[in-house]
Amino acid sequence: MKIEKERIKIRIAGSGGQGVILASIILAEAAGIHDGRYVCQTQSYGPEARGGNCKAEVVISDSYIDYPKAKNLDILMCYNQASLDEYFMDLKETGTLIVNSDFCSQIPISTAYEIPMTTLAREKAGSLQTMNSLSLGALAEATGVVSKNAIKAAVLSRSPKGTEALNMKALEIGFLEGKKAVGRAKSRIPAKFSRLILMND
């Protein structure tokens, strides 16, 4: 679902080592530097440097941002089940949920955009390290919060030397998979009760 509004609040979440922070920085640069909008990026880590919970937020606005925190989220993108369990209730009822279906099996709404990001990065893009580029392509395609040209430029500028082509390939796969995910979500019958509190076994 394309999102058109003056202020958009986005959270990307996963575990340390999944590229959460870098993905948020690239998204912020796409919106701010290349699309020319006001943007604010913040981040936080769990107690473990690697493997613990990690989240990053990007606020995109057409006007000056006086409050940088993202509450009542418009978009939540989760790379694993733990982050989905922890942050889903921060997503507004009309918000967009994007999940890495390789690591998210208990998805609380039928309208989520489910994409096997890890598998696609490893098997189609050719490197697991490109997962955040792939996920940003999917986010841009599915929501329209940044232009494709902007996210391409931002990914390219952040790609380590020698990996530019690999990351561009992952981004294009993300565009395609984002479009497919939107189509799959539209084909589902919405659940009667769309917002659930997930209970751990």
N, C-alpha and C. Protein backbone atom coordinates (compact mmCIF):
# COMPACT_ATOMS: atom_id res chain seq x y z
N MET A 1 0.84 -1.19 0.00
CA MET A 1 0.00 0.00 0.00
C MET A 1 0.88 1.24 0.00
N LYS A 2 0.70 2.11 -0.98
CA LYS A 2 1.48 3.33 -1.06
C LYS A 2 1.04 4.29 0.04
N ILE A 3 2.02 4.86 0.70
CA ILE A 3 1.74 5.75 1.81
C ILE A 3 2.03 7.19 1.39
N GLU A 4 1.02 8.03 1.43
CA GLU A 4 1.17 9.43 1.07
C GLU A 4 0.69 10.28 2.24
N LYS A 5 1.60 10.82 3.00
CA LYS A 5 1.24 11.69 4.12
C LYS A 5 2.44 12.56 4.46
N GLU A 6 2.19 13.60 5.24
CA GLU A 6 3.23 14.58 5.53
C GLU A 6 4.34 14.03 6.41
N ARG A 7 3.99 13.17 7.37
CA ARG A 7 4.96 12.62 8.32
C ARG A 7 4.80 11.11 8.39
N ILE A 8 5.88 10.38 8.15
CA ILE A 8 5.85 8.92 8.12
C ILE A 8 6.84 8.38 9.15
N LYS A 9 6.36 7.49 10.01
CA LYS A 9 7.18 6.93 11.09
C LYS A 9 7.46 5.45 10.80
N ILE A 10 8.74 5.12 10.74
CA ILE A 10 9.16 3.78 10.33
C ILE A 10 10.08 3.19 11.39
N ARG A 11 9.90 1.91 11.69
CA ARG A 11 10.84 1.19 12.56
C ARG A 11 11.31 -0.07 11.84
N ILE A 12 12.62 -0.29 11.87
CA ILE A 12 13.22 -1.52 11.37
C ILE A 12 13.80 -2.24 12.59
N ALA A 13 13.52 -3.53 12.71
CA ALA A 13 13.94 -4.24 13.92
C ALA A 13 14.41 -5.65 13.59
N GLY A 14 15.34 -6.13 14.40
CA GLY A 14 15.86 -7.48 14.24
C GLY A 14 16.87 -7.75 15.33
N SER A 15 17.82 -8.62 15.05
CA SER A 15 18.87 -8.90 16.02
C SER A 15 20.17 -8.26 15.55
N GLY A 16 21.09 -8.05 16.50
CA GLY A 16 22.38 -7.49 16.14
C GLY A 16 23.07 -8.37 15.10
N GLY A 17 23.63 -7.74 14.07
CA GLY A 17 24.28 -8.49 13.01
C GLY A 17 23.43 -8.68 11.78
N GLN A 18 22.15 -8.30 11.84
CA GLN A 18 21.26 -8.43 10.68
C GLN A 18 21.23 -7.17 9.81
N GLY A 19 22.00 -6.17 10.16
CA GLY A 19 22.06 -4.97 9.32
C GLY A 19 20.95 -3.97 9.56
N VAL A 20 20.34 -4.02 10.74
CA VAL A 20 19.22 -3.13 11.05
C VAL A 20 19.64 -1.66 10.99
N ILE A 21 20.73 -1.33 11.66
CA ILE A 21 21.17 0.07 11.74
C ILE A 21 21.56 0.59 10.37
N LEU A 22 22.33 -0.18 9.63
CA LEU A 22 22.74 0.26 8.30
C LEU A 22 21.53 0.46 7.40
N ALA A 23 20.56 -0.43 7.47
CA ALA A 23 19.35 -0.29 6.66
C ALA A 23 18.64 1.02 6.96
N SER A 24 18.57 1.37 8.24
CA SER A 24 17.88 2.62 8.62
C SER A 24 18.65 3.84 8.14
N ILE A 25 19.97 3.77 8.19
CA ILE A 25 20.79 4.90 7.72
C ILE A 25 20.62 5.08 6.22
N ILE A 26 20.63 3.99 5.48
CA ILE A 26 20.45 4.06 4.03
C ILE A 26 19.07 4.63 3.70
N LEU A 27 18.05 4.17 4.40
CA LEU A 27 16.70 4.68 4.17
C LEU A 27 16.63 6.18 4.46
N ALA A 28 17.25 6.60 5.56
CA ALA A 28 17.25 8.02 5.92
C ALA A 28 17.97 8.85 4.87
N GLU A 29 19.09 8.35 4.37
CA GLU A 29 19.84 9.08 3.35
C GLU A 29 19.06 9.15 2.04
N ALA A 30 18.35 8.09 1.72
CA ALA A 30 17.52 8.10 0.51
C ALA A 30 16.47 9.19 0.59
N ALA A 31 15.80 9.26 1.74
CA ALA A 31 14.73 10.25 1.92
C ALA A 31 15.26 11.67 2.03
N GLY A 32 16.35 11.84 2.78
CA GLY A 32 16.86 13.17 3.06
C GLY A 32 17.75 13.75 1.98
N ILE A 33 18.77 12.99 1.59
CA ILE A 33 19.75 13.49 0.62
C ILE A 33 19.21 13.43 -0.80
N HIS A 34 18.56 12.34 -1.14
CA HIS A 34 18.19 12.11 -2.55
C HIS A 34 16.75 12.49 -2.88
N ASP A 35 15.83 12.38 -1.93
CA ASP A 35 14.45 12.82 -2.17
C ASP A 35 14.18 14.22 -1.62
N GLY A 36 15.12 14.76 -0.86
CA GLY A 36 15.02 16.14 -0.40
C GLY A 36 13.98 16.40 0.67
N ARG A 37 13.70 15.41 1.52
CA ARG A 37 12.73 15.60 2.59
C ARG A 37 13.44 15.76 3.93
N TYR A 38 12.73 16.21 4.94
CA TYR A 38 13.27 16.25 6.29
C TYR A 38 13.28 14.82 6.83
N VAL A 39 14.33 14.49 7.57
CA VAL A 39 14.43 13.11 8.05
C VAL A 39 15.20 13.08 9.37
N CYS A 40 14.84 12.13 10.21
CA CYS A 40 15.56 11.90 11.47
C CYS A 40 15.71 10.40 11.67
N GLN A 41 16.93 9.96 12.01
CA GLN A 41 17.20 8.54 12.23
C GLN A 41 17.73 8.33 13.64
N THR A 42 17.16 7.37 14.37
CA THR A 42 17.64 7.02 15.71
C THR A 42 17.77 5.51 15.82
N GLN A 43 18.51 5.05 16.83
CA GLN A 43 18.74 3.62 16.96
C GLN A 43 18.95 3.24 18.41
N SER A 44 18.72 1.96 18.70
CA SER A 44 18.99 1.45 20.05
C SER A 44 19.34 -0.03 19.96
N TYR A 45 20.13 -0.49 20.93
CA TYR A 45 20.61 -1.86 20.96
C TYR A 45 20.16 -2.55 22.24
N GLY A 46 20.13 -3.89 22.18
CA GLY A 46 19.94 -4.66 23.39
C GLY A 46 21.25 -4.75 24.16
N PRO A 47 21.28 -5.48 25.27
CA PRO A 47 22.49 -5.56 26.09
C PRO A 47 23.64 -6.28 25.39
N GLU A 48 23.36 -7.15 24.44
CA GLU A 48 24.41 -7.85 23.71
C GLU A 48 24.77 -7.05 22.47
N ALA A 49 26.05 -6.95 22.18
CA ALA A 49 26.48 -6.19 21.00
C ALA A 49 26.05 -6.89 19.72
N ARG A 50 26.06 -8.21 19.74
CA ARG A 50 25.68 -8.96 18.54
C ARG A 50 24.73 -10.08 18.96
N GLY A 51 23.60 -10.17 18.30
CA GLY A 51 22.64 -11.22 18.61
C GLY A 51 21.50 -10.75 19.49
N GLY A 52 21.67 -9.62 20.18
CA GLY A 52 20.59 -9.08 20.99
C GLY A 52 19.62 -8.28 20.15
N ASN A 53 18.53 -7.87 20.76
CA ASN A 53 17.53 -7.09 20.03
C ASN A 53 18.10 -5.74 19.61
N CYS A 54 17.67 -5.30 18.46
CA CYS A 54 18.16 -4.06 17.89
C CYS A 54 17.03 -3.41 17.10
N LYS A 55 16.87 -2.11 17.25
CA LYS A 55 15.86 -1.41 16.46
C LYS A 55 16.40 -0.07 16.01
N ALA A 56 15.86 0.42 14.91
CA ALA A 56 16.22 1.74 14.41
C ALA A 56 14.97 2.37 13.83
N GLU A 57 14.87 3.67 13.99
CA GLU A 57 13.67 4.38 13.55
C GLU A 57 14.03 5.50 12.60
N VAL A 58 13.17 5.70 11.62
CA VAL A 58 13.33 6.78 10.65
C VAL A 58 12.01 7.54 10.58
N VAL A 59 12.08 8.83 10.80
CA VAL A 59 10.92 9.70 10.63
C VAL A 59 11.16 10.55 9.39
N ILE A 60 10.23 10.50 8.45
CA ILE A 60 10.33 11.25 7.20
C ILE A 60 9.20 12.26 7.17
N SER A 61 9.52 13.51 6.86
CA SER A 61 8.50 14.55 6.92
C SER A 61 8.70 15.58 5.82
N ASP A 62 7.61 16.26 5.48
CA ASP A 62 7.68 17.37 4.54
C ASP A 62 8.02 18.68 5.24
N SER A 63 8.07 18.66 6.56
CA SER A 63 8.37 19.87 7.33
C SER A 63 9.34 19.52 8.45
N TYR A 64 9.80 20.53 9.15
CA TYR A 64 10.77 20.36 10.22
C TYR A 64 10.28 19.34 11.26
N ILE A 65 11.17 18.46 11.69
CA ILE A 65 10.82 17.41 12.66
C ILE A 65 11.21 17.89 14.06
N ASP A 66 10.22 18.17 14.89
CA ASP A 66 10.50 18.67 16.23
C ASP A 66 10.52 17.56 17.28
N TYR A 67 10.05 16.37 16.91
CA TYR A 67 10.06 15.23 17.84
C TYR A 67 10.53 14.00 17.07
N PRO A 68 11.75 13.52 17.37
CA PRO A 68 12.35 12.48 16.53
C PRO A 68 11.88 11.06 16.79
N LYS A 69 11.22 10.81 17.92
CA LYS A 69 10.82 9.45 18.24
C LYS A 69 9.64 8.99 17.38
N ALA A 70 9.68 7.72 17.01
CA ALA A 70 8.61 7.15 16.18
C ALA A 70 7.63 6.39 17.07
N LYS A 71 6.45 6.95 17.25
CA LYS A 71 5.37 6.29 17.99
C LYS A 71 4.18 6.13 17.06
N ASN A 72 3.34 5.14 17.34
CA ASN A 72 2.18 4.89 16.48
C ASN A 72 2.65 4.74 15.03
N LEU A 73 3.41 3.69 14.79
CA LEU A 73 4.18 3.51 13.56
C LEU A 73 3.30 3.38 12.32
N ASP A 74 3.79 3.98 11.22
CA ASP A 74 3.16 3.79 9.92
C ASP A 74 3.69 2.53 9.25
N ILE A 75 4.97 2.23 9.48
CA ILE A 75 5.61 1.06 8.88
C ILE A 75 6.47 0.37 9.93
N LEU A 76 6.34 -0.95 10.01
CA LEU A 76 7.21 -1.76 10.85
C LEU A 76 7.79 -2.87 9.98
N MET A 77 9.12 -2.95 9.90
CA MET A 77 9.76 -4.02 9.16
C MET A 77 10.60 -4.84 10.13
N CYS A 78 10.26 -6.13 10.25
CA CYS A 78 10.91 -7.02 11.22
C CYS A 78 11.69 -8.11 10.52
N TYR A 79 12.93 -8.30 10.97
CA TYR A 79 13.79 -9.32 10.40
C TYR A 79 13.69 -10.65 11.14
N ASN A 80 13.09 -10.67 12.34
CA ASN A 80 12.97 -11.93 13.08
C ASN A 80 11.73 -11.92 13.98
N GLN A 81 11.40 -13.08 14.52
CA GLN A 81 10.18 -13.23 15.31
C GLN A 81 10.23 -12.43 16.61
N ALA A 82 11.40 -12.41 17.25
CA ALA A 82 11.51 -11.70 18.53
C ALA A 82 11.17 -10.22 18.37
N SER A 83 11.64 -9.61 17.31
CA SER A 83 11.35 -8.19 17.10
C SER A 83 9.88 -7.98 16.74
N LEU A 84 9.31 -8.91 16.00
CA LEU A 84 7.88 -8.81 15.67
C LEU A 84 7.03 -8.92 16.93
N ASP A 85 7.37 -9.88 17.79
CA ASP A 85 6.63 -10.04 19.05
C ASP A 85 6.73 -8.78 19.91
N GLU A 86 7.91 -8.19 19.94
CA GLU A 86 8.14 -7.05 20.84
C GLU A 86 7.50 -5.76 20.35
N TYR A 87 7.49 -5.55 19.05
CA TYR A 87 7.14 -4.22 18.54
C TYR A 87 5.82 -4.14 17.77
N PHE A 88 5.18 -5.26 17.53
CA PHE A 88 3.98 -5.21 16.70
C PHE A 88 2.91 -4.26 17.23
N MET A 89 2.72 -4.23 18.52
CA MET A 89 1.65 -3.40 19.08
C MET A 89 1.94 -1.90 18.96
N ASP A 90 3.15 -1.54 18.53
CA ASP A 90 3.47 -0.13 18.27
C ASP A 90 3.01 0.31 16.89
N LEU A 91 2.58 -0.64 16.07
CA LEU A 91 2.12 -0.33 14.71
C LEU A 91 0.66 0.11 14.76
N LYS A 92 0.36 1.23 14.12
CA LYS A 92 -1.03 1.69 14.11
C LYS A 92 -1.91 0.72 13.33
N GLU A 93 -3.20 0.75 13.56
CA GLU A 93 -4.11 -0.22 12.94
C GLU A 93 -4.08 -0.17 11.43
N THR A 94 -3.83 1.00 10.88
CA THR A 94 -3.76 1.15 9.42
C THR A 94 -2.33 1.06 8.91
N GLY A 95 -1.39 0.67 9.78
CA GLY A 95 0.01 0.63 9.41
C GLY A 95 0.36 -0.56 8.53
N THR A 96 1.58 -0.51 7.99
CA THR A 96 2.08 -1.54 7.09
C THR A 96 3.13 -2.39 7.80
N LEU A 97 2.94 -3.71 7.78
CA LEU A 97 3.88 -4.64 8.38
C LEU A 97 4.61 -5.41 7.29
N ILE A 98 5.94 -5.38 7.34
CA ILE A 98 6.79 -6.12 6.40
C ILE A 98 7.65 -7.06 7.22
N VAL A 99 7.66 -8.35 6.88
CA VAL A 99 8.41 -9.31 7.69
C VAL A 99 9.31 -10.19 6.83
N ASN A 100 10.42 -10.60 7.44
CA ASN A 100 11.29 -11.62 6.87
C ASN A 100 10.67 -12.97 7.21
N SER A 101 9.98 -13.56 6.27
CA SER A 101 9.21 -14.78 6.56
C SER A 101 10.10 -15.99 6.84
N ASP A 102 11.41 -15.89 6.57
CA ASP A 102 12.32 -16.96 6.94
C ASP A 102 12.44 -17.09 8.45
N PHE A 103 12.27 -15.98 9.16
CA PHE A 103 12.44 -15.98 10.61
C PHE A 103 11.22 -15.45 11.36
N CYS A 104 10.13 -15.22 10.66
CA CYS A 104 8.87 -14.82 11.29
C CYS A 104 7.79 -15.82 10.90
N SER A 105 7.40 -16.67 11.81
CA SER A 105 6.40 -17.70 11.50
C SER A 105 5.03 -17.39 12.11
N GLN A 106 5.01 -16.62 13.18
CA GLN A 106 3.75 -16.24 13.82
C GLN A 106 3.45 -14.78 13.48
N ILE A 107 2.72 -14.59 12.41
CA ILE A 107 2.46 -13.25 11.89
C ILE A 107 1.03 -12.87 12.24
N PRO A 108 0.83 -11.80 12.99
CA PRO A 108 -0.47 -11.53 13.60
C PRO A 108 -1.53 -10.90 12.71
N ILE A 109 -1.19 -10.49 11.51
CA ILE A 109 -2.21 -9.93 10.61
C ILE A 109 -2.09 -10.56 9.23
N SER A 110 -3.21 -10.73 8.57
CA SER A 110 -3.23 -11.37 7.26
C SER A 110 -2.74 -10.45 6.16
N THR A 111 -2.67 -9.16 6.43
CA THR A 111 -2.28 -8.19 5.40
C THR A 111 -0.79 -7.87 5.43
N ALA A 112 -0.01 -8.60 6.22
CA ALA A 112 1.43 -8.36 6.27
C ALA A 112 2.07 -8.69 4.92
N TYR A 113 3.14 -7.98 4.61
CA TYR A 113 3.92 -8.28 3.41
C TYR A 113 5.03 -9.25 3.83
N GLU A 114 4.87 -10.50 3.42
CA GLU A 114 5.78 -11.57 3.84
C GLU A 114 6.78 -11.86 2.73
N ILE A 115 8.06 -11.72 3.05
CA ILE A 115 9.13 -11.88 2.07
C ILE A 115 10.24 -12.72 2.68
N PRO A 116 10.67 -13.82 2.04
CA PRO A 116 11.76 -14.64 2.58
C PRO A 116 13.11 -13.98 2.30
N MET A 117 13.41 -12.94 3.04
CA MET A 117 14.56 -12.08 2.74
C MET A 117 15.89 -12.81 2.82
N THR A 118 16.05 -13.65 3.83
CA THR A 118 17.31 -14.36 4.01
C THR A 118 17.57 -15.32 2.86
N THR A 119 16.57 -16.10 2.50
CA THR A 119 16.72 -17.05 1.40
C THR A 119 16.99 -16.34 0.08
N LEU A 120 16.26 -15.28 -0.18
CA LEU A 120 16.44 -14.53 -1.43
C LEU A 120 17.83 -13.91 -1.51
N ALA A 121 18.30 -13.35 -0.41
CA ALA A 121 19.63 -12.74 -0.41
C ALA A 121 20.71 -13.78 -0.67
N ARG A 122 20.57 -14.92 -0.04
CA ARG A 122 21.59 -15.97 -0.18
C ARG A 122 21.52 -16.66 -1.53
N GLU A 123 20.31 -17.03 -1.97
CA GLU A 123 20.18 -17.88 -3.15
C GLU A 123 19.99 -17.12 -4.45
N LYS A 124 19.36 -15.96 -4.41
CA LYS A 124 19.11 -15.21 -5.65
C LYS A 124 20.08 -14.04 -5.83
N ALA A 125 20.32 -13.30 -4.76
CA ALA A 125 21.25 -12.17 -4.87
C ALA A 125 22.70 -12.65 -4.82
N GLY A 126 22.93 -13.76 -4.14
CA GLY A 126 24.27 -14.33 -4.12
C GLY A 126 25.08 -14.07 -2.86
N SER A 127 24.51 -13.36 -1.90
CA SER A 127 25.21 -13.10 -0.65
C SER A 127 24.23 -12.73 0.44
N LEU A 128 24.38 -13.36 1.59
CA LEU A 128 23.52 -13.05 2.73
C LEU A 128 23.72 -11.60 3.19
N GLN A 129 24.90 -11.05 2.91
CA GLN A 129 25.20 -9.68 3.33
C GLN A 129 24.36 -8.63 2.61
N THR A 130 23.67 -9.04 1.57
CA THR A 130 22.85 -8.08 0.82
C THR A 130 21.40 -8.02 1.32
N MET A 131 21.11 -8.71 2.42
CA MET A 131 19.71 -8.78 2.85
C MET A 131 19.11 -7.41 3.14
N ASN A 132 19.89 -6.51 3.76
CA ASN A 132 19.29 -5.21 4.06
C ASN A 132 19.01 -4.41 2.80
N SER A 133 19.85 -4.54 1.77
CA SER A 133 19.57 -3.88 0.49
C SER A 133 18.30 -4.44 -0.13
N LEU A 134 18.16 -5.76 -0.08
CA LEU A 134 16.97 -6.40 -0.62
C LEU A 134 15.72 -5.95 0.13
N SER A 135 15.82 -5.88 1.45
CA SER A 135 14.66 -5.49 2.25
C SER A 135 14.25 -4.04 1.98
N LEU A 136 15.22 -3.17 1.74
CA LEU A 136 14.91 -1.78 1.44
C LEU A 136 14.26 -1.63 0.07
N GLY A 137 14.66 -2.47 -0.87
CA GLY A 137 13.99 -2.47 -2.16
C GLY A 137 12.53 -2.86 -2.02
N ALA A 138 12.29 -3.88 -1.20
CA ALA A 138 10.91 -4.32 -0.96
C ALA A 138 10.09 -3.24 -0.27
N LEU A 139 10.69 -2.58 0.72
CA LEU A 139 9.99 -1.52 1.44
C LEU A 139 9.65 -0.36 0.52
N ALA A 140 10.62 0.05 -0.30
CA ALA A 140 10.39 1.17 -1.21
C ALA A 140 9.29 0.85 -2.22
N GLU A 141 9.31 -0.36 -2.76
CA GLU A 141 8.31 -0.76 -3.75
C GLU A 141 6.93 -0.88 -3.12
N ALA A 142 6.86 -1.47 -1.94
CA ALA A 142 5.57 -1.76 -1.32
C ALA A 142 4.89 -0.52 -0.75
N THR A 143 5.67 0.45 -0.31
CA THR A 143 5.09 1.60 0.39
C THR A 143 5.25 2.93 -0.33
N GLY A 144 6.27 3.05 -1.18
CA GLY A 144 6.50 4.31 -1.88
C GLY A 144 7.00 5.44 -1.00
N VAL A 145 7.52 5.13 0.19
CA VAL A 145 7.96 6.21 1.09
C VAL A 145 9.22 6.90 0.59
N VAL A 146 10.00 6.21 -0.22
CA VAL A 146 11.12 6.84 -0.92
C VAL A 146 11.06 6.40 -2.38
N SER A 147 11.62 7.20 -3.26
CA SER A 147 11.61 6.86 -4.67
C SER A 147 12.64 5.77 -4.96
N LYS A 148 12.44 5.05 -6.03
CA LYS A 148 13.38 3.99 -6.41
C LYS A 148 14.75 4.58 -6.72
N ASN A 149 14.78 5.71 -7.41
CA ASN A 149 16.06 6.34 -7.73
C ASN A 149 16.81 6.74 -6.46
N ALA A 150 16.07 7.22 -5.47
CA ALA A 150 16.70 7.64 -4.22
C ALA A 150 17.29 6.45 -3.47
N ILE A 151 16.56 5.36 -3.37
CA ILE A 151 17.07 4.20 -2.64
C ILE A 151 18.22 3.56 -3.39
N LYS A 152 18.18 3.58 -4.71
CA LYS A 152 19.31 3.08 -5.50
C LYS A 152 20.57 3.88 -5.21
N ALA A 153 20.44 5.20 -5.24
CA ALA A 153 21.60 6.06 -5.00
C ALA A 153 22.15 5.88 -3.59
N ALA A 154 21.26 5.74 -2.62
CA ALA A 154 21.70 5.59 -1.23
C ALA A 154 22.38 4.24 -1.00
N VAL A 155 21.82 3.18 -1.56
CA VAL A 155 22.44 1.85 -1.44
C VAL A 155 23.81 1.85 -2.11
N LEU A 156 23.89 2.43 -3.28
CA LEU A 156 25.15 2.46 -4.02
C LEU A 156 26.22 3.21 -3.24
N SER A 157 25.85 4.33 -2.64
CA SER A 157 26.84 5.13 -1.90
C SER A 157 27.33 4.43 -0.64
N ARG A 158 26.56 3.50 -0.12
CA ARG A 158 26.93 2.78 1.10
C ARG A 158 27.51 1.39 0.83
N SER A 159 27.55 0.98 -0.42
CA SER A 159 28.07 -0.35 -0.75
C SER A 159 29.60 -0.35 -0.70
N PRO A 160 30.21 -1.29 0.03
CA PRO A 160 31.67 -1.38 0.03
C PRO A 160 32.19 -1.61 -1.38
N LYS A 161 33.38 -1.12 -1.65
CA LYS A 161 33.97 -1.25 -2.98
C LYS A 161 34.02 -2.72 -3.39
N GLY A 162 33.56 -2.98 -4.59
CA GLY A 162 33.54 -4.34 -5.11
C GLY A 162 32.22 -5.05 -4.92
N THR A 163 31.31 -4.46 -4.12
CA THR A 163 30.01 -5.10 -3.87
C THR A 163 28.85 -4.32 -4.49
N GLU A 164 29.17 -3.29 -5.26
CA GLU A 164 28.12 -2.43 -5.80
C GLU A 164 27.12 -3.22 -6.66
N ALA A 165 27.63 -4.04 -7.57
CA ALA A 165 26.76 -4.79 -8.47
C ALA A 165 25.89 -5.79 -7.69
N LEU A 166 26.49 -6.39 -6.69
CA LEU A 166 25.77 -7.37 -5.87
C LEU A 166 24.61 -6.70 -5.13
N ASN A 167 24.86 -5.53 -4.57
CA ASN A 167 23.81 -4.82 -3.84
C ASN A 167 22.74 -4.27 -4.77
N MET A 168 23.12 -3.85 -5.96
CA MET A 168 22.12 -3.39 -6.93
C MET A 168 21.23 -4.55 -7.37
N LYS A 169 21.83 -5.73 -7.53
CA LYS A 169 21.05 -6.92 -7.87
C LYS A 169 20.06 -7.24 -6.76
N ALA A 170 20.52 -7.18 -5.52
CA ALA A 170 19.64 -7.45 -4.38
C ALA A 170 18.50 -6.44 -4.31
N LEU A 171 18.82 -5.18 -4.59
CA LEU A 171 17.80 -4.14 -4.55
C LEU A 171 16.72 -4.40 -5.59
N GLU A 172 17.12 -4.78 -6.80
CA GLU A 172 16.16 -5.08 -7.86
C GLU A 172 15.29 -6.28 -7.49
N ILE A 173 15.90 -7.28 -6.87
CA ILE A 173 15.12 -8.43 -6.39
C ILE A 173 14.12 -7.96 -5.35
N GLY A 174 14.55 -7.05 -4.48
CA GLY A 174 13.65 -6.49 -3.48
C GLY A 174 12.47 -5.76 -4.08
N PHE A 175 12.71 -4.98 -5.14
CA PHE A 175 11.61 -4.30 -5.83
C PHE A 175 10.57 -5.32 -6.31
N LEU A 176 11.07 -6.37 -6.96
CA LEU A 176 10.18 -7.40 -7.51
C LEU A 176 9.42 -8.13 -6.40
N GLU A 177 10.14 -8.50 -5.36
CA GLU A 177 9.50 -9.25 -4.27
C GLU A 177 8.54 -8.39 -3.47
N GLY A 178 8.83 -7.10 -3.37
CA GLY A 178 7.90 -6.20 -2.71
C GLY A 178 6.58 -6.12 -3.45
N LYS A 179 6.67 -6.05 -4.77
CA LYS A 179 5.46 -6.02 -5.59
C LYS A 179 4.67 -7.32 -5.45
N LYS A 180 5.37 -8.44 -5.45
CA LYS A 180 4.71 -9.74 -5.28
C LYS A 180 4.03 -9.84 -3.91
N ALA A 181 4.72 -9.35 -2.89
CA ALA A 181 4.18 -9.44 -1.53
C ALA A 181 2.90 -8.63 -1.38
N VAL A 182 2.86 -7.48 -2.03
CA VAL A 182 1.64 -6.66 -2.00
C VAL A 182 0.49 -7.42 -2.66
N GLY A 183 0.77 -8.07 -3.78
CA GLY A 183 -0.25 -8.84 -4.48
C GLY A 183 -0.76 -10.00 -3.64
N ARG A 184 0.15 -10.69 -2.95
CA ARG A 184 -0.26 -11.81 -2.10
C ARG A 184 -1.13 -11.32 -0.94
N ALA A 185 -0.74 -10.20 -0.35
CA ALA A 185 -1.51 -9.66 0.78
C ALA A 185 -2.91 -9.26 0.35
N LYS A 186 -3.04 -8.68 -0.83
CA LYS A 186 -4.35 -8.26 -1.33
C LYS A 186 -5.26 -9.45 -1.59
N SER A 187 -4.67 -10.60 -1.90
CA SER A 187 -5.47 -11.78 -2.23
C SER A 187 -6.01 -12.50 -1.01
N ARG A 188 -5.48 -12.17 0.16
CA ARG A 188 -5.94 -12.83 1.39
C ARG A 188 -7.20 -12.17 1.92
N ILE A 189 -8.01 -12.95 2.59
CA ILE A 189 -9.19 -12.40 3.28
C ILE A 189 -8.71 -11.87 4.63
N PRO A 190 -8.93 -10.59 4.94
CA PRO A 190 -8.46 -10.05 6.22
C PRO A 190 -9.05 -10.82 7.39
N ALA A 191 -8.23 -11.05 8.39
CA ALA A 191 -8.70 -11.73 9.60
C ALA A 191 -9.73 -10.87 10.32
N LYS A 192 -10.72 -11.52 10.95
CA LYS A 192 -11.76 -10.78 11.67
C LYS A 192 -11.14 -9.94 12.78
N PHE A 193 -10.21 -10.55 13.48
CA PHE A 193 -9.49 -9.81 14.51
C PHE A 193 -8.05 -9.68 14.03
N SER A 194 -7.68 -8.52 13.55
CA SER A 194 -6.40 -8.37 12.87
C SER A 194 -5.24 -8.10 13.80
N ARG A 195 -5.49 -7.63 15.01
CA ARG A 195 -4.40 -7.31 15.91
C ARG A 195 -4.43 -8.26 17.11
N LEU A 196 -3.40 -9.07 17.23
CA LEU A 196 -3.33 -10.07 18.29
C LEU A 196 -2.09 -9.84 19.14
N ILE A 197 -2.17 -10.17 20.40
CA ILE A 197 -0.99 -10.18 21.24
C ILE A 197 -0.42 -11.59 21.17
N LEU A 198 0.81 -11.72 20.67
CA LEU A 198 1.40 -13.03 20.52
C LEU A 198 1.83 -13.56 21.88
N MET A 199 1.50 -14.81 22.14
CA MET A 199 1.86 -15.43 23.40
C MET A 199 2.94 -16.46 23.13
N ASN A 200 4.03 -16.39 23.87
CA ASN A 200 5.10 -17.36 23.71
C ASN A 200 4.70 -18.68 24.35
N ASP A 201 5.10 -19.76 23.71
CA ASP A 201 4.82 -21.08 24.28
C ASP A 201 5.65 -21.28 25.55
